[in-house]
Amino acid sequence: QVQLVESGGGLVQPGGSLRLSCAASGSIFRTAVMGWYRQSAGKQREWVASVSTDERINSADSVKGRFTISRDNANNVVYLQMNSLEPEDTAVYYCYLRKPGGGTNWGQGTQVTVSA
């Protein structure tokens, strides 16, 4: 059973930065695509970014140039560095692990609030 635990959320002023972390249990991490979604109140869940096993990165247009995803295979952690945060980035951020054989595991989510 894969478990994902996010951390690093919080309250930040517009223009500020946060780094989210997602720690995964188990050895499957190294063979899985890792990524982040977010969900704002009253909106559908929105894909943010992903990183493949060979560290190819994709990110949503809304966060390009501001957010950077990375992974540490030695420690089973995926990060989301968020810079130049805007109030529109306020959401619960969810880490996910997409298994090579199919199926997705989700973290419990971490709240990010961007407000003056």
Protein backbone atom coordinates (compact mmCIF):
# COMPACT_ATOMS: atom_id res chain seq x y z
CA GLN A 1 0.00 0.00 0.00
CA VAL A 2 1.49 3.29 -1.10
CA GLN A 3 1.08 6.25 1.24
CA LEU A 4 1.69 9.84 0.25
CA VAL A 5 2.14 12.55 2.87
CA GLU A 6 2.21 16.21 1.83
CA SER A 7 3.64 19.07 3.83
CA GLY A 8 4.69 22.68 3.37
CA GLY A 9 1.38 24.41 2.84
CA GLY A 10 0.38 27.56 4.67
CA LEU A 11 -0.46 31.23 4.43
CA VAL A 12 1.72 33.47 2.28
CA GLN A 13 1.43 36.99 0.93
CA PRO A 14 1.06 37.65 -2.81
CA GLY A 15 4.46 37.50 -4.46
CA GLY A 16 5.78 35.10 -1.84
CA SER A 17 7.05 31.54 -2.12
CA LEU A 18 6.31 28.14 -0.66
CA ARG A 19 7.77 24.70 -1.21
CA LEU A 20 5.49 21.70 -0.95
CA SER A 21 6.85 18.25 -0.24
CA CYS A 22 5.29 14.85 -0.76
CA ALA A 23 6.91 11.82 0.83
CA ALA A 24 6.00 8.40 -0.55
CA SER A 25 6.29 5.02 1.12
CA GLY A 26 7.41 1.93 -0.75
CA SER A 27 9.82 1.17 -3.56
CA ILE A 28 7.37 1.94 -6.38
CA PHE A 29 8.25 5.63 -6.24
CA ARG A 30 11.20 5.24 -8.62
CA THR A 31 9.02 3.69 -11.33
CA ALA A 32 6.08 6.07 -10.99
CA VAL A 33 5.13 9.37 -12.51
CA MET A 34 4.69 11.91 -9.71
CA GLY A 35 2.72 15.10 -9.81
CA TRP A 36 0.44 17.66 -8.24
CA TYR A 37 -3.15 18.71 -8.66
CA ARG A 38 -4.96 21.50 -6.89
CA GLN A 39 -8.56 22.29 -6.07
CA SER A 40 -9.97 25.68 -5.20
CA ALA A 41 -13.27 26.14 -3.41
CA GLY A 42 -16.15 25.61 -5.80
CA LYS A 43 -13.92 24.57 -8.70
CA GLN A 44 -12.90 21.32 -10.33
CA ARG A 45 -9.56 19.76 -9.52
CA GLU A 46 -6.86 21.21 -11.77
CA TRP A 47 -3.66 19.47 -12.82
CA VAL A 48 -0.57 21.51 -11.93
CA ALA A 49 2.60 19.65 -12.87
CA SER A 50 4.19 16.21 -13.25
CA VAL A 51 7.64 14.66 -13.43
CA SER A 52 8.37 11.32 -15.08
CA THR A 53 10.81 8.66 -13.96
CA ASP A 54 13.46 10.13 -16.28
CA GLU A 55 12.67 13.61 -14.91
CA ARG A 56 10.76 14.97 -17.88
CA ILE A 57 8.63 17.79 -16.57
CA ASN A 58 5.27 19.08 -17.67
CA SER A 59 3.33 21.92 -16.09
CA ALA A 60 0.11 23.81 -16.60
CA ASP A 61 0.27 27.09 -18.48
CA SER A 62 -1.14 28.87 -15.42
CA VAL A 63 1.98 28.05 -13.37
CA LYS A 64 4.74 27.96 -16.03
CA GLY A 65 7.66 30.13 -15.06
CA ARG A 66 6.50 30.30 -11.43
CA PHE A 67 6.23 26.70 -10.18
CA THR A 68 8.91 24.02 -10.46
CA ILE A 69 8.42 20.33 -9.79
CA SER A 70 11.31 18.06 -8.89
CA ARG A 71 11.87 14.60 -7.45
CA ASP A 72 14.40 12.99 -5.14
CA ASN A 73 14.45 9.28 -5.89
CA ALA A 74 16.93 8.55 -3.11
CA ASN A 75 14.45 9.75 -0.50
CA ASN A 76 11.12 9.10 -2.26
CA VAL A 77 10.10 12.76 -2.21
CA VAL A 78 8.57 15.02 -4.83
CA TYR A 79 8.64 18.78 -4.43
CA LEU A 80 6.69 21.70 -5.79
CA GLN A 81 8.54 25.00 -5.54
CA MET A 82 6.03 27.81 -5.89
CA ASN A 83 7.26 31.35 -6.51
CA SER A 84 5.47 34.61 -7.30
CA LEU A 85 2.33 33.27 -5.71
CA GLU A 86 -0.97 34.91 -6.58
CA PRO A 87 -4.33 34.85 -4.77
CA GLU A 88 -5.59 32.65 -7.63
CA ASP A 89 -3.13 29.96 -6.50
CA THR A 90 -5.11 29.51 -3.27
CA ALA A 91 -6.21 25.87 -3.19
CA VAL A 92 -5.73 22.51 -1.58
CA TYR A 93 -2.75 20.90 -3.29
CA TYR A 94 -2.74 17.12 -3.78
CA CYS A 95 0.25 14.98 -4.57
CA TYR A 96 -0.30 11.91 -6.77
CA LEU A 97 1.64 8.82 -7.78
CA ARG A 98 0.74 7.17 -11.09
CA LYS A 99 1.80 3.54 -11.12
CA PRO A 100 3.42 2.06 -14.23
CA GLY A 101 0.80 -0.68 -14.42
CA GLY A 102 -2.12 1.71 -13.93
CA GLY A 103 -3.82 3.19 -10.95
CA THR A 104 -3.17 6.34 -8.99
CA ASN A 105 -2.54 7.01 -5.34
CA TRP A 106 -3.34 10.37 -3.73
CA GLY A 107 -2.13 12.29 -0.73
CA GLN A 108 -4.47 13.88 1.77
CA GLY A 109 -3.85 17.41 0.50
CA THR A 110 -2.24 20.51 1.94
CA GLN A 111 -3.83 23.95 2.04
CA VAL A 112 -2.11 26.88 0.36
CA THR A 113 -3.59 30.32 0.98
CA VAL A 114 -2.26 33.41 -0.77
CA SER A 115 -3.58 36.54 0.85
CA ALA A 116 -2.46 39.93 2.09
